[in-house]
C-alpha cells in the first residue's frame, strides 16, 4: 500500500500495523480507500487524519475539511 507507506513514514505509524484506510466526506459518508485514492491525498490542507488503534492494528480515517 504505497499511500500507507507514506503515512507510515510521515506519522510514525508502523506500516505492517496499518489495517484499513478510510475517507470520510463532508456529508459523513465513510469509504474504504484503495492505493489509487490514497496517493491523491497529498494536500494536508484538505483533510484531517485520525489514527485509531483497533485490535493491534491501526485504522486511519481521512476526514475532508
N, C-alpha and C. Protein backbone atom coordinates (compact mmCIF):
# COMPACT_ATOMS: atom_id res chain seq x y z
N UNK A 1 0.85 -1.18 0.00
CA UNK A 1 0.00 0.00 0.00
C UNK A 1 0.89 1.24 0.00
N UNK A 2 1.24 1.81 -1.16
CA UNK A 2 2.11 2.97 -1.22
C UNK A 2 1.62 4.14 -0.37
N UNK A 3 0.34 4.43 -0.40
CA UNK A 3 -0.20 5.51 0.42
C UNK A 3 0.00 5.22 1.89
N UNK A 4 -0.19 3.97 2.27
CA UNK A 4 0.03 3.56 3.65
C UNK A 4 1.48 3.71 4.05
N UNK A 5 2.38 3.43 3.12
CA UNK A 5 3.81 3.58 3.39
C UNK A 5 4.15 5.04 3.64
N UNK A 6 3.60 5.94 2.84
CA UNK A 6 3.83 7.37 3.02
C UNK A 6 3.30 7.83 4.37
N UNK A 7 2.11 7.40 4.73
CA UNK A 7 1.52 7.75 6.02
C UNK A 7 2.37 7.18 7.14
N UNK A 8 2.83 5.96 6.98
CA UNK A 8 3.68 5.31 7.97
C UNK A 8 4.93 6.13 8.23
N UNK A 9 5.59 6.57 7.17
CA UNK A 9 6.82 7.36 7.29
C UNK A 9 6.55 8.71 7.95
N UNK A 10 5.53 9.40 7.51
CA UNK A 10 5.26 10.76 7.96
C UNK A 10 4.73 10.84 9.39
N UNK A 11 3.86 9.90 9.76
CA UNK A 11 3.20 9.96 11.07
C UNK A 11 3.69 8.90 12.05
N UNK A 12 4.76 8.18 11.69
CA UNK A 12 5.38 7.18 12.54
C UNK A 12 4.40 6.10 13.01
N UNK A 13 3.58 5.64 12.08
CA UNK A 13 2.67 4.52 12.31
C UNK A 13 3.30 3.31 11.62
N UNK A 14 3.55 2.21 12.35
CA UNK A 14 4.19 1.05 11.71
C UNK A 14 3.40 0.57 10.50
N UNK A 15 4.07 0.52 9.34
CA UNK A 15 3.41 0.15 8.08
C UNK A 15 2.68 -1.19 8.18
N UNK A 16 3.34 -2.17 8.79
CA UNK A 16 2.74 -3.50 8.88
C UNK A 16 1.55 -3.57 9.84
N UNK A 17 1.32 -2.50 10.58
CA UNK A 17 0.18 -2.44 11.51
C UNK A 17 -1.00 -1.64 10.96
N UNK A 18 -0.85 -1.06 9.76
CA UNK A 18 -1.95 -0.30 9.17
C UNK A 18 -2.97 -1.29 8.61
N UNK A 19 -4.17 -1.25 9.18
CA UNK A 19 -5.23 -2.16 8.76
C UNK A 19 -6.02 -1.60 7.60
N UNK A 20 -6.82 -0.62 7.86
CA UNK A 20 -7.69 -0.02 6.84
C UNK A 20 -7.47 1.48 6.79
N UNK A 21 -7.67 2.05 5.61
CA UNK A 21 -7.64 3.49 5.43
C UNK A 21 -9.00 3.90 4.88
N UNK A 22 -9.64 4.82 5.58
CA UNK A 22 -10.97 5.28 5.18
C UNK A 22 -10.94 6.76 4.86
N UNK A 23 -11.90 7.18 4.05
CA UNK A 23 -12.13 8.60 3.77
C UNK A 23 -13.53 8.92 4.24
N UNK A 24 -13.65 10.02 4.98
CA UNK A 24 -14.97 10.48 5.43
C UNK A 24 -15.23 11.82 4.76
N UNK A 25 -16.25 11.85 3.91
CA UNK A 25 -16.55 13.09 3.18
C UNK A 25 -17.34 14.05 4.07
N UNK A 26 -17.54 15.24 3.56
CA UNK A 26 -18.24 16.28 4.32
C UNK A 26 -19.66 15.88 4.70
N UNK A 27 -20.27 14.99 3.91
CA UNK A 27 -21.63 14.52 4.20
C UNK A 27 -21.64 13.42 5.25
N UNK A 28 -20.45 12.98 5.69
CA UNK A 28 -20.36 11.97 6.72
C UNK A 28 -20.28 10.54 6.22
N UNK A 29 -20.19 10.36 4.90
CA UNK A 29 -20.12 9.02 4.32
C UNK A 29 -18.69 8.49 4.46
N UNK A 30 -18.56 7.27 4.97
CA UNK A 30 -17.26 6.64 5.19
C UNK A 30 -16.98 5.65 4.07
N UNK A 31 -15.82 5.80 3.40
CA UNK A 31 -15.47 4.96 2.25
C UNK A 31 -14.10 4.33 2.49
N UNK A 32 -14.00 3.02 2.23
CA UNK A 32 -12.71 2.33 2.30
C UNK A 32 -11.86 2.79 1.12
N UNK A 33 -10.62 3.21 1.38
CA UNK A 33 -9.76 3.75 0.33
C UNK A 33 -8.78 2.69 -0.15
N UNK A 34 -8.53 2.67 -1.47
CA UNK A 34 -7.50 1.80 -2.02
C UNK A 34 -6.28 2.65 -2.38
N UNK A 35 -5.23 2.00 -2.88
CA UNK A 35 -3.98 2.69 -3.22
C UNK A 35 -4.19 3.89 -4.14
N UNK A 36 -5.01 3.71 -5.17
CA UNK A 36 -5.20 4.77 -6.16
C UNK A 36 -5.80 6.02 -5.54
N UNK A 37 -6.70 5.85 -4.59
CA UNK A 37 -7.32 7.01 -3.94
C UNK A 37 -6.34 7.64 -2.95
N UNK A 38 -5.67 6.82 -2.15
CA UNK A 38 -4.77 7.33 -1.11
C UNK A 38 -3.66 8.19 -1.70
N UNK A 39 -3.09 7.78 -2.82
CA UNK A 39 -1.95 8.53 -3.36
C UNK A 39 -2.34 9.92 -3.87
N UNK A 40 -3.63 10.19 -4.06
CA UNK A 40 -4.08 11.52 -4.48
C UNK A 40 -4.26 12.47 -3.31
N UNK A 41 -4.16 11.97 -2.09
CA UNK A 41 -4.34 12.80 -0.90
C UNK A 41 -3.00 13.29 -0.38
N UNK A 42 -2.40 14.24 -1.06
CA UNK A 42 -1.11 14.78 -0.62
C UNK A 42 -1.24 16.17 -0.02
N UNK A 43 -2.35 16.85 -0.27
CA UNK A 43 -2.56 18.20 0.25
C UNK A 43 -3.20 18.12 1.63
N UNK A 44 -2.38 18.28 2.67
CA UNK A 44 -2.86 18.13 4.04
C UNK A 44 -3.82 19.24 4.47
N UNK A 45 -3.97 20.27 3.66
CA UNK A 45 -4.91 21.34 3.98
C UNK A 45 -6.35 20.94 3.68
N UNK A 46 -6.55 19.80 3.02
CA UNK A 46 -7.90 19.40 2.61
C UNK A 46 -8.50 18.31 3.50
N UNK A 47 -7.73 17.78 4.46
CA UNK A 47 -8.26 16.72 5.31
C UNK A 47 -7.59 16.73 6.69
N UNK A 48 -8.25 16.07 7.64
CA UNK A 48 -7.68 15.80 8.95
C UNK A 48 -7.48 14.30 9.05
N UNK A 49 -6.38 13.88 9.65
CA UNK A 49 -6.08 12.46 9.79
C UNK A 49 -6.36 12.01 11.22
N UNK A 50 -7.17 10.97 11.36
CA UNK A 50 -7.44 10.37 12.66
C UNK A 50 -6.83 8.98 12.65
N UNK A 51 -6.01 8.68 13.66
CA UNK A 51 -5.38 7.37 13.78
C UNK A 51 -5.93 6.70 15.03
N UNK A 52 -6.50 5.51 14.84
CA UNK A 52 -7.13 4.80 15.95
C UNK A 52 -6.60 3.37 15.98
N UNK A 53 -6.14 2.93 17.16
CA UNK A 53 -5.66 1.55 17.29
C UNK A 53 -6.84 0.64 17.59
N UNK A 54 -6.97 -0.40 16.77
CA UNK A 54 -8.08 -1.35 16.91
C UNK A 54 -7.53 -2.77 16.80
N UNK A 55 -7.55 -3.50 17.89
CA UNK A 55 -7.13 -4.90 17.86
C UNK A 55 -5.72 -5.13 17.37
N UNK A 56 -4.79 -4.28 17.75
CA UNK A 56 -3.39 -4.46 17.36
C UNK A 56 -3.01 -3.87 16.02
N UNK A 57 -3.97 -3.31 15.29
CA UNK A 57 -3.66 -2.62 14.04
C UNK A 57 -4.25 -1.22 14.08
N UNK A 58 -3.91 -0.42 13.10
CA UNK A 58 -4.36 0.97 13.08
C UNK A 58 -5.40 1.20 11.99
N UNK A 59 -6.45 1.91 12.36
CA UNK A 59 -7.48 2.34 11.41
C UNK A 59 -7.24 3.82 11.17
N UNK A 60 -7.03 4.20 9.93
CA UNK A 60 -6.76 5.59 9.57
C UNK A 60 -7.99 6.16 8.87
N UNK A 61 -8.41 7.34 9.31
CA UNK A 61 -9.55 7.99 8.68
C UNK A 61 -9.15 9.39 8.25
N UNK A 62 -9.26 9.66 6.95
CA UNK A 62 -9.01 10.99 6.41
C UNK A 62 -10.36 11.67 6.27
N UNK A 63 -10.57 12.75 7.02
CA UNK A 63 -11.84 13.46 7.00
C UNK A 63 -11.67 14.75 6.22
N UNK A 64 -12.49 14.92 5.17
CA UNK A 64 -12.43 16.14 4.36
C UNK A 64 -12.80 17.35 5.20
N UNK A 65 -12.07 18.44 4.99
CA UNK A 65 -12.35 19.70 5.70
C UNK A 65 -13.23 20.57 4.84
